[in-house]
Amino acid sequence: MKKTDKKAAVGFIFITLLLDITGWGIILPVVPKLIGELIQGDISEAAKYGGWLGFAYAFTQFVFSPLVGNLSDKYGRRPILLISLFGFSIDYILLALAPSIGWLFVGRIIAGLTGASISTASAYIADISTDENRTKNFGVIGAAFGLGFIIGPVLGGLLGHYGARVPFYVAAVLCLLNFLYGYFMLPESLDKSKRRSFEWKRANPIGSFQFLFKHPKISNLVFALVLVYIGLHAVQSNWHFFTMYKFSWTERLVGISLGILGLLIGLVQGVLIRWSAPKLGEQKSIYLGLLFYALGLLLFAFANQGWMMLVFLIPYSLGGICGPSLQSIISKSVPSDQQGELQGALTSLVSVTSIIGPPVMTNLFYYFTHESAPFEFSGAPFLLASLLMFISAVFIYYSFKK
């Protein structure tokens, strides 16, 4: 691939991921309203279905991502990326036209089956990068994530004013346009001489976990990381349901708040952590990050005014210094020639937390907000998440003492 083609390809990958994340963010503010319309139920019941929809997508993606990754090694990155984009557009169209809740599940499962755009895009970047520009090129992925998490929810909140299904149509159009652009413009990055045959054993989603069992000295740290990621789903899977239920927020305000959260997280992980890690050290950064996470989540749980949620986003976002520092220490505990296996195992673990987190947090919200609840406590998921942060700190403490 020529140098000019490589630059254009990096630009396409940026646009691909930006539209991917923007499309995901666009639908977040209107999901409660659409589910409520389809089940003829309230926000509390909609949350329960929302959690299981998240489970359907995450579980399907977890099972099929290794398969799709192996197919991209055999047939190239381009066809897999295009299939992924087309699959997402079909997903959004099904969600927009869905006459019943069952169709939402069909759409999410299709998205999970084909949703390998992020991993395939990462492989594409690796294919076309040199040692000199690899870090810079991979930075494109982080930039697309950050920008998408800001633009998507805000745009979705504004579009939601015109109807719960409008953002889904817009997301579908974005994906289709991206598919067409890629079909006519995107070159293949993986040379035929570098492709390898497909093997079922490499498509085993459980296989990567075997690596972690070989390294018991990092087991406490890894378990702590799992607890942190499950806890974060109290916000990721529950924010829109909680704020609409407790404070009667509109789709517009939900979208703006999520856009603010995306901006704050981008500042913390893109700017603040460059200062905190060298100044405080990784261990202190982990403890301080967990403290901020726990504090922010605890404040969310007992907030009684809508404006408080916006203010409490600040301590919650500061918790973002924890994750990268924890992953860095885990990485340093493993030999350099095993880093690829480690990162694959950690990615699989994060996928598992996306399977567990949504149904746990949204069903807990439902349990304490539905008509027959023992008592009303809509902040229960945030309280549980705060406790998970404290428990993870205990595991980390004992790991450091060894």
Protein backbone atom coordinates (compact mmCIF):
# COMPACT_ATOMS: atom_id res chain seq x y z
CA MET A 1 0.00 0.00 0.00
CA LYS A 2 1.37 3.45 -0.96
CA LYS A 3 2.12 6.04 1.75
CA THR A 4 -0.71 8.29 0.55
CA ASP A 5 -3.09 5.32 0.56
CA LYS A 6 -2.05 4.49 4.13
CA LYS A 7 -2.84 8.03 5.27
CA ALA A 8 -6.24 7.85 3.60
CA ALA A 9 -6.83 4.44 5.20
CA VAL A 10 -6.05 5.79 8.68
CA GLY A 11 -8.51 8.59 8.00
CA PHE A 12 -11.15 6.07 6.97
CA ILE A 13 -10.60 4.00 10.12
CA PHE A 14 -11.03 7.16 12.19
CA ILE A 15 -14.30 7.97 10.41
CA THR A 16 -15.45 4.34 10.73
CA LEU A 17 -14.95 4.22 14.48
CA LEU A 18 -16.25 7.76 14.98
CA LEU A 19 -19.49 6.89 13.19
CA ASP A 20 -19.64 3.57 15.04
CA ILE A 21 -19.39 5.16 18.49
CA THR A 22 -21.52 8.14 17.47
CA GLY A 23 -24.21 5.75 16.22
CA TRP A 24 -24.12 3.89 19.53
CA GLY A 25 -24.26 7.15 21.48
CA ILE A 26 -27.09 8.58 19.37
CA ILE A 27 -29.54 5.88 20.47
CA LEU A 28 -28.74 5.95 24.21
CA PRO A 29 -31.00 8.88 25.21
CA VAL A 30 -34.06 7.44 23.44
CA VAL A 31 -33.73 3.75 24.36
CA PRO A 32 -35.95 4.05 27.49
CA LYS A 33 -38.72 5.77 25.53
CA LEU A 34 -38.64 3.26 22.64
CA ILE A 35 -38.64 0.23 24.95
CA GLY A 36 -41.46 1.78 26.98
CA GLU A 37 -43.54 2.26 23.82
CA LEU A 38 -43.02 -1.35 22.72
CA ILE A 39 -43.76 -3.01 26.07
CA GLN A 40 -46.44 -0.50 27.08
CA GLY A 41 -44.64 -0.15 30.41
CA ASP A 42 -42.93 2.44 32.59
CA ILE A 43 -39.24 3.40 32.90
CA SER A 44 -38.67 0.80 35.62
CA GLU A 45 -39.79 -2.08 33.42
CA ALA A 46 -38.02 -0.61 30.38
CA ALA A 47 -34.75 -0.70 32.34
CA LYS A 48 -35.10 -4.45 32.89
CA TYR A 49 -35.48 -5.04 29.14
CA GLY A 50 -32.65 -2.60 28.42
CA GLY A 51 -30.28 -4.66 30.54
CA TRP A 52 -31.16 -7.87 28.75
CA LEU A 53 -30.74 -6.15 25.37
CA GLY A 54 -27.23 -5.18 26.49
CA PHE A 55 -26.63 -8.78 27.53
CA ALA A 56 -27.81 -10.11 24.13
CA TYR A 57 -25.39 -7.85 22.25
CA ALA A 58 -22.40 -8.41 24.56
CA PHE A 59 -22.84 -12.19 24.79
CA THR A 60 -23.18 -12.61 21.02
CA GLN A 61 -20.16 -10.40 20.40
CA PHE A 62 -18.09 -12.29 23.00
CA VAL A 63 -18.86 -15.64 21.38
CA PHE A 64 -18.34 -14.55 17.77
CA SER A 65 -15.52 -11.95 18.00
CA PRO A 66 -12.70 -14.57 17.98
CA LEU A 67 -14.39 -16.25 15.00
CA VAL A 68 -14.64 -12.97 13.12
CA GLY A 69 -11.03 -12.11 14.02
CA ASN A 70 -9.82 -15.40 12.58
CA LEU A 71 -11.86 -14.84 9.43
CA SER A 72 -10.14 -11.46 9.00
CA ASP A 73 -6.75 -13.21 9.24
CA LYS A 74 -7.82 -15.55 6.42
CA TYR A 75 -9.84 -13.29 4.11
CA GLY A 76 -8.46 -9.84 4.99
CA ARG A 77 -9.65 -6.87 7.04
CA ARG A 78 -11.63 -5.07 4.33
CA PRO A 79 -14.50 -7.56 3.86
CA ILE A 80 -14.91 -8.02 7.63
CA LEU A 81 -15.04 -4.27 8.22
CA LEU A 82 -17.61 -3.82 5.47
CA ILE A 83 -19.77 -6.68 6.77
CA SER A 84 -19.59 -5.17 10.25
CA LEU A 85 -20.72 -1.75 9.03
CA PHE A 86 -23.53 -3.27 6.99
CA GLY A 87 -24.58 -5.38 9.98
CA PHE A 88 -24.79 -2.33 12.22
CA SER A 89 -26.90 -0.47 9.66
CA ILE A 90 -29.32 -3.43 9.53
CA ASP A 91 -29.39 -3.43 13.34
CA TYR A 92 -30.34 0.25 13.50
CA ILE A 93 -33.00 -0.14 10.79
CA LEU A 94 -34.55 -3.06 12.68
CA LEU A 95 -34.54 -1.01 15.89
CA ALA A 96 -36.13 1.93 14.09
CA LEU A 97 -38.89 -0.19 12.53
CA ALA A 98 -39.35 -2.63 15.44
CA PRO A 99 -43.06 -3.44 15.98
CA SER A 100 -42.31 -5.42 19.15
CA ILE A 101 -39.61 -5.87 21.79
CA GLY A 102 -38.58 -9.14 20.13
CA TRP A 103 -37.34 -7.22 17.10
CA LEU A 104 -35.04 -5.17 19.32
CA PHE A 105 -33.41 -8.40 20.48
CA VAL A 106 -33.04 -9.58 16.86
CA GLY A 107 -31.35 -6.29 15.96
CA ARG A 108 -28.96 -6.45 18.92
CA ILE A 109 -28.01 -10.06 18.16
CA ILE A 110 -27.27 -9.16 14.53
CA ALA A 111 -25.08 -6.28 15.75
CA GLY A 112 -23.27 -8.66 18.10
CA LEU A 113 -22.69 -11.19 15.31
CA THR A 114 -21.16 -8.63 12.97
CA GLY A 115 -19.89 -6.11 15.49
CA ALA A 116 -16.17 -6.62 15.14
CA SER A 117 -15.42 -3.21 13.68
CA ILE A 118 -13.28 -2.10 16.63
CA SER A 119 -11.06 -5.20 16.80
CA THR A 120 -10.79 -5.41 13.01
CA ALA A 121 -10.02 -1.70 12.77
CA SER A 122 -7.25 -2.20 15.35
CA ALA A 123 -5.83 -5.05 13.26
CA TYR A 124 -6.06 -2.83 10.14
CA ILE A 125 -4.07 -0.09 11.91
CA ALA A 126 -1.45 -2.65 12.99
CA ASP A 127 -1.14 -3.88 9.38
CA ILE A 128 -0.38 -0.47 7.90
CA SER A 129 1.75 0.97 10.73
CA THR A 130 5.51 1.14 11.13
CA ASP A 131 7.38 1.26 14.44
CA GLU A 132 7.71 5.02 14.02
CA ASN A 133 4.01 5.84 13.56
CA ARG A 134 2.33 2.92 15.37
CA THR A 135 1.56 4.85 18.57
CA LYS A 136 0.32 7.86 16.61
CA ASN A 137 -1.94 5.69 14.43
CA PHE A 138 -3.40 3.81 17.40
CA GLY A 139 -4.10 7.20 18.97
CA VAL A 140 -6.64 7.65 16.18
CA ILE A 141 -8.74 4.89 17.77
CA GLY A 142 -8.77 6.64 21.15
CA ALA A 143 -9.58 9.98 19.53
CA ALA A 144 -12.53 8.46 17.63
CA PHE A 145 -13.87 6.90 20.84
CA GLY A 146 -13.58 10.15 22.78
CA LEU A 147 -15.19 12.30 20.09
CA GLY A 148 -17.94 9.75 19.42
CA PHE A 149 -18.87 9.53 23.10
CA ILE A 150 -19.31 13.32 23.14
CA ILE A 151 -21.09 13.86 19.80
CA GLY A 152 -23.36 10.78 19.85
CA PRO A 153 -25.39 11.30 23.04
CA VAL A 154 -25.77 15.05 22.48
CA LEU A 155 -26.97 14.51 18.90
CA GLY A 156 -29.26 11.68 20.04
CA GLY A 157 -30.77 13.87 22.74
CA LEU A 158 -31.52 16.61 20.22
CA LEU A 159 -32.94 14.21 17.62
CA GLY A 160 -35.04 12.45 20.27
CA HIS A 161 -37.19 15.57 20.45
CA TYR A 162 -38.61 14.59 17.03
CA GLY A 163 -39.46 11.02 18.05
CA ALA A 164 -37.92 7.99 19.73
CA ARG A 165 -37.14 6.30 16.40
CA VAL A 166 -35.52 9.24 14.58
CA PRO A 167 -32.01 8.72 16.09
CA PHE A 168 -32.07 5.08 14.94
CA TYR A 169 -32.74 6.14 11.34
CA VAL A 170 -29.90 8.67 11.51
CA ALA A 171 -27.53 6.03 12.95
CA ALA A 172 -28.52 3.63 10.14
CA VAL A 173 -27.85 6.27 7.47
CA LEU A 174 -24.43 7.06 8.99
CA CYS A 175 -23.44 3.38 8.90
CA LEU A 176 -24.72 2.89 5.34
CA LEU A 177 -22.81 5.95 4.10
CA ASN A 178 -19.70 4.65 5.82
CA PHE A 179 -20.23 1.23 4.23
CA LEU A 180 -20.53 2.76 0.75
CA TYR A 181 -17.46 4.94 1.26
CA GLY A 182 -15.46 1.92 2.41
CA TYR A 183 -16.71 -0.26 -0.43
CA PHE A 184 -15.45 2.16 -3.07
CA MET A 185 -12.42 3.69 -1.32
CA LEU A 186 -10.92 1.39 1.34
CA PRO A 187 -7.95 -0.75 0.19
CA GLU A 188 -7.11 -4.11 1.78
CA SER A 189 -4.37 -3.87 4.43
CA LEU A 190 -3.41 -7.54 4.85
CA ASP A 191 -1.25 -8.84 2.03
CA LYS A 192 -2.20 -12.33 0.81
CA SER A 193 1.28 -13.60 1.67
CA LYS A 194 0.68 -12.73 5.34
CA ARG A 195 -2.70 -14.39 5.69
CA ARG A 196 -3.13 -17.63 7.62
CA SER A 197 -5.55 -20.50 7.41
CA PHE A 198 -8.63 -20.60 9.61
CA GLU A 199 -8.43 -22.81 12.72
CA TRP A 200 -11.37 -23.46 15.02
CA LYS A 201 -9.16 -23.68 18.11
CA ARG A 202 -8.22 -20.01 17.68
CA ALA A 203 -11.91 -19.12 17.53
CA ASN A 204 -12.55 -20.37 21.08
CA PRO A 205 -13.73 -17.38 23.20
CA ILE A 206 -12.82 -19.17 26.44
CA GLY A 207 -9.32 -20.10 25.30
CA SER A 208 -7.73 -16.77 26.25
CA PHE A 209 -8.73 -17.21 29.90
CA GLN A 210 -6.37 -20.18 30.19
CA PHE A 211 -3.50 -17.71 30.13
CA LEU A 212 -4.68 -16.05 33.35
CA PHE A 213 -4.72 -19.36 35.22
CA LYS A 214 -1.01 -19.71 34.41
CA HIS A 215 -0.25 -16.48 36.30
CA PRO A 216 -1.79 -16.71 39.79
CA LYS A 217 0.29 -13.76 41.05
CA ILE A 218 -1.91 -11.35 39.09
CA SER A 219 -5.19 -13.06 39.98
CA ASN A 220 -6.19 -10.53 42.68
CA LEU A 221 -5.41 -7.59 40.38
CA VAL A 222 -7.37 -9.12 37.51
CA PHE A 223 -10.36 -9.86 39.76
CA ALA A 224 -10.24 -6.26 41.01
CA LEU A 225 -10.29 -5.03 37.41
CA VAL A 226 -13.36 -7.19 36.72
CA LEU A 227 -15.18 -5.70 39.74
CA VAL A 228 -14.34 -2.17 38.56
CA TYR A 229 -15.71 -2.76 35.06
CA ILE A 230 -18.89 -4.40 36.38
CA GLY A 231 -19.37 -1.43 38.71
CA LEU A 232 -19.01 1.05 35.85
CA HIS A 233 -22.13 -0.44 34.26
CA ALA A 234 -24.18 1.24 36.99
CA VAL A 235 -23.57 4.38 34.91
CA GLN A 236 -23.10 2.94 31.42
CA SER A 237 -26.28 0.81 31.46
CA ASN A 238 -28.42 2.67 33.97
CA TRP A 239 -27.81 6.42 33.71
CA HIS A 240 -30.58 7.19 31.22
CA PHE A 241 -33.17 5.06 33.04
CA PHE A 242 -32.28 6.46 36.47
CA THR A 243 -32.27 10.15 35.51
CA MET A 244 -35.54 9.86 33.56
CA TYR A 245 -37.19 7.98 36.43
CA LYS A 246 -36.00 10.11 39.36
CA PHE A 247 -35.67 13.58 37.85
CA SER A 248 -37.96 13.34 34.78
CA TRP A 249 -35.09 14.29 32.50
CA THR A 250 -35.86 14.65 28.81
CA GLU A 251 -33.92 12.85 26.07
CA ARG A 252 -32.17 16.15 25.38
CA LEU A 253 -30.87 16.53 28.94
CA VAL A 254 -29.83 12.87 29.12
CA GLY A 255 -27.87 13.32 25.88
CA ILE A 256 -26.16 16.50 27.07
CA SER A 257 -25.21 14.90 30.41
CA LEU A 258 -23.68 11.87 28.67
CA GLY A 259 -21.80 14.21 26.33
CA ILE A 260 -20.40 16.04 29.38
CA LEU A 261 -19.39 12.69 30.88
CA GLY A 262 -17.61 11.75 27.64
CA LEU A 263 -15.74 15.08 27.65
CA LEU A 264 -14.69 14.71 31.30
CA ILE A 265 -13.48 11.13 30.82
CA GLY A 266 -11.53 12.25 27.74
CA LEU A 267 -9.82 15.02 29.76
CA VAL A 268 -8.99 12.67 32.64
CA GLN A 269 -7.63 9.80 30.55
CA GLY A 270 -6.08 11.97 27.85
CA VAL A 271 -4.59 14.77 29.97
CA LEU A 272 -4.76 14.25 33.75
CA ILE A 273 -3.34 10.72 33.77
CA ARG A 274 -0.18 11.96 32.05
CA TRP A 275 0.42 14.01 35.21
CA SER A 276 -0.98 11.68 37.87
CA ALA A 277 0.95 8.53 36.94
CA PRO A 278 4.46 10.10 37.09
CA LYS A 279 3.67 12.34 40.09
CA LEU A 280 1.68 9.94 42.28
CA GLY A 281 2.92 6.59 41.05
CA GLU A 282 0.71 3.79 39.79
CA GLN A 283 -0.30 2.36 43.18
CA LYS A 284 -1.46 5.71 44.58
CA SER A 285 -3.22 6.48 41.29
CA ILE A 286 -5.17 3.21 41.60
CA TYR A 287 -6.26 3.86 45.19
CA LEU A 288 -7.13 7.50 44.48
CA GLY A 289 -9.04 6.54 41.34
CA LEU A 290 -11.05 3.91 43.20
CA LEU A 291 -11.81 6.44 45.94
CA PHE A 292 -13.13 8.94 43.39
CA TYR A 293 -15.17 6.23 41.65
CA ALA A 294 -16.67 5.08 44.96
CA LEU A 295 -17.40 8.66 46.06
CA GLY A 296 -19.01 9.65 42.76
CA LEU A 297 -21.19 6.53 42.67
CA LEU A 298 -22.22 7.01 46.32
CA LEU A 299 -23.21 10.60 45.59
CA PHE A 300 -25.25 9.47 42.56
CA ALA A 301 -27.08 6.95 44.75
CA PHE A 302 -28.36 9.59 47.17
CA ALA A 303 -28.73 12.62 44.87
CA ASN A 304 -32.13 14.28 45.27
CA GLN A 305 -31.80 17.09 42.71
CA GLY A 306 -31.07 16.75 39.00
CA TRP A 307 -28.28 19.35 39.01
CA MET A 308 -26.43 17.26 41.60
CA MET A 309 -25.96 14.48 39.03
CA LEU A 310 -24.10 16.89 36.75
CA VAL A 311 -21.85 18.11 39.58
CA PHE A 312 -21.17 14.58 40.83
CA LEU A 313 -19.92 13.63 37.35
CA ILE A 314 -16.67 15.40 38.31
CA PRO A 315 -15.52 13.06 41.13
CA TYR A 316 -16.82 10.06 39.18
CA SER A 317 -14.80 11.03 36.10
CA LEU A 318 -11.65 11.53 38.19
CA GLY A 319 -11.87 7.82 38.96
CA GLY A 320 -10.70 7.29 35.38
CA ILE A 321 -7.06 7.43 36.54
CA CYS A 322 -7.55 3.98 38.12
CA GLY A 323 -8.06 1.70 35.09
CA PRO A 324 -4.95 2.51 33.00
CA SER A 325 -2.71 2.40 36.11
CA LEU A 326 -4.13 -0.97 37.17
CA GLN A 327 -3.70 -2.40 33.67
CA SER A 328 -0.14 -1.07 33.57
CA ILE A 329 0.81 -2.88 36.80
CA ILE A 330 -0.80 -6.10 35.56
CA SER A 331 1.16 -5.75 32.31
CA LYS A 332 4.47 -5.25 34.17
CA SER A 333 3.87 -8.48 36.09
CA VAL A 334 3.95 -10.57 32.90
CA PRO A 335 7.01 -11.28 30.68
CA SER A 336 7.33 -9.15 27.54
CA ASP A 337 6.96 -12.12 25.20
CA GLN A 338 3.51 -12.88 26.69
CA GLN A 339 2.00 -9.40 26.44
CA GLY A 340 -0.13 -10.26 23.41
CA GLU A 341 -1.74 -13.18 25.21
CA LEU A 342 -2.29 -11.04 28.30
CA GLN A 343 -4.03 -8.25 26.38
CA GLY A 344 -6.23 -10.78 24.60
CA ALA A 345 -7.22 -12.32 27.93
CA LEU A 346 -7.96 -8.91 29.47
CA THR A 347 -10.06 -7.92 26.45
CA SER A 348 -12.09 -11.12 26.86
CA LEU A 349 -12.56 -10.38 30.56
CA VAL A 350 -13.83 -6.88 29.82
CA SER A 351 -16.28 -8.45 27.36
CA VAL A 352 -17.53 -10.75 30.12
CA THR A 353 -18.16 -7.75 32.39
CA SER A 354 -20.31 -6.29 29.59
CA ILE A 355 -22.35 -9.50 29.70
CA ILE A 356 -22.75 -9.45 33.49
CA GLY A 357 -23.00 -5.72 34.20
CA PRO A 358 -26.08 -4.55 32.23
CA PRO A 359 -28.61 -7.16 33.49
CA VAL A 360 -27.31 -6.97 37.07
CA MET A 361 -27.52 -3.18 37.31
CA THR A 362 -30.80 -2.67 35.43
CA ASN A 363 -32.59 -5.54 37.18
CA LEU A 364 -31.47 -4.15 40.54
CA PHE A 365 -32.91 -0.78 39.48
CA TYR A 366 -36.16 -2.53 38.48
CA TYR A 367 -36.35 -4.47 41.76
CA PHE A 368 -36.24 -1.28 43.84
CA THR A 369 -38.51 0.83 41.62
CA HIS A 370 -41.36 -1.41 40.43
CA GLU A 371 -44.80 -1.31 42.05
CA SER A 372 -44.22 -4.29 44.40
CA ALA A 373 -40.75 -3.20 45.57
CA PRO A 374 -40.10 -3.70 49.32
CA PHE A 375 -39.11 -0.02 49.41
CA GLU A 376 -38.22 2.54 46.75
CA PHE A 377 -34.49 3.08 46.21
CA SER A 378 -33.65 3.93 42.61
CA GLY A 379 -30.00 4.57 43.52
CA ALA A 380 -29.38 0.91 44.45
CA PRO A 381 -27.19 0.14 41.38
CA PHE A 382 -24.90 3.08 42.20
CA LEU A 383 -24.61 1.95 45.82
CA LEU A 384 -23.71 -1.60 44.73
CA ALA A 385 -21.14 -0.21 42.30
CA SER A 386 -19.61 1.93 45.05
CA LEU A 387 -19.27 -1.17 47.25
CA LEU A 388 -17.62 -3.03 44.36
CA MET A 389 -14.98 -0.28 44.16
CA PHE A 390 -14.19 -0.70 47.86
CA ILE A 391 -14.01 -4.50 47.50
CA SER A 392 -11.66 -4.17 44.52
CA ALA A 393 -9.42 -1.89 46.63
CA VAL A 394 -9.19 -4.67 49.25
CA PHE A 395 -8.11 -7.22 46.64
CA ILE A 396 -5.52 -4.79 45.28
CA TYR A 397 -4.21 -4.06 48.79
CA TYR A 398 -3.62 -7.76 49.52
CA SER A 399 -2.03 -8.23 46.10
CA PHE A 400 0.47 -5.43 46.79
CA LYS A 401 1.26 -6.87 50.24
CA LYS A 402 2.37 -10.22 48.78
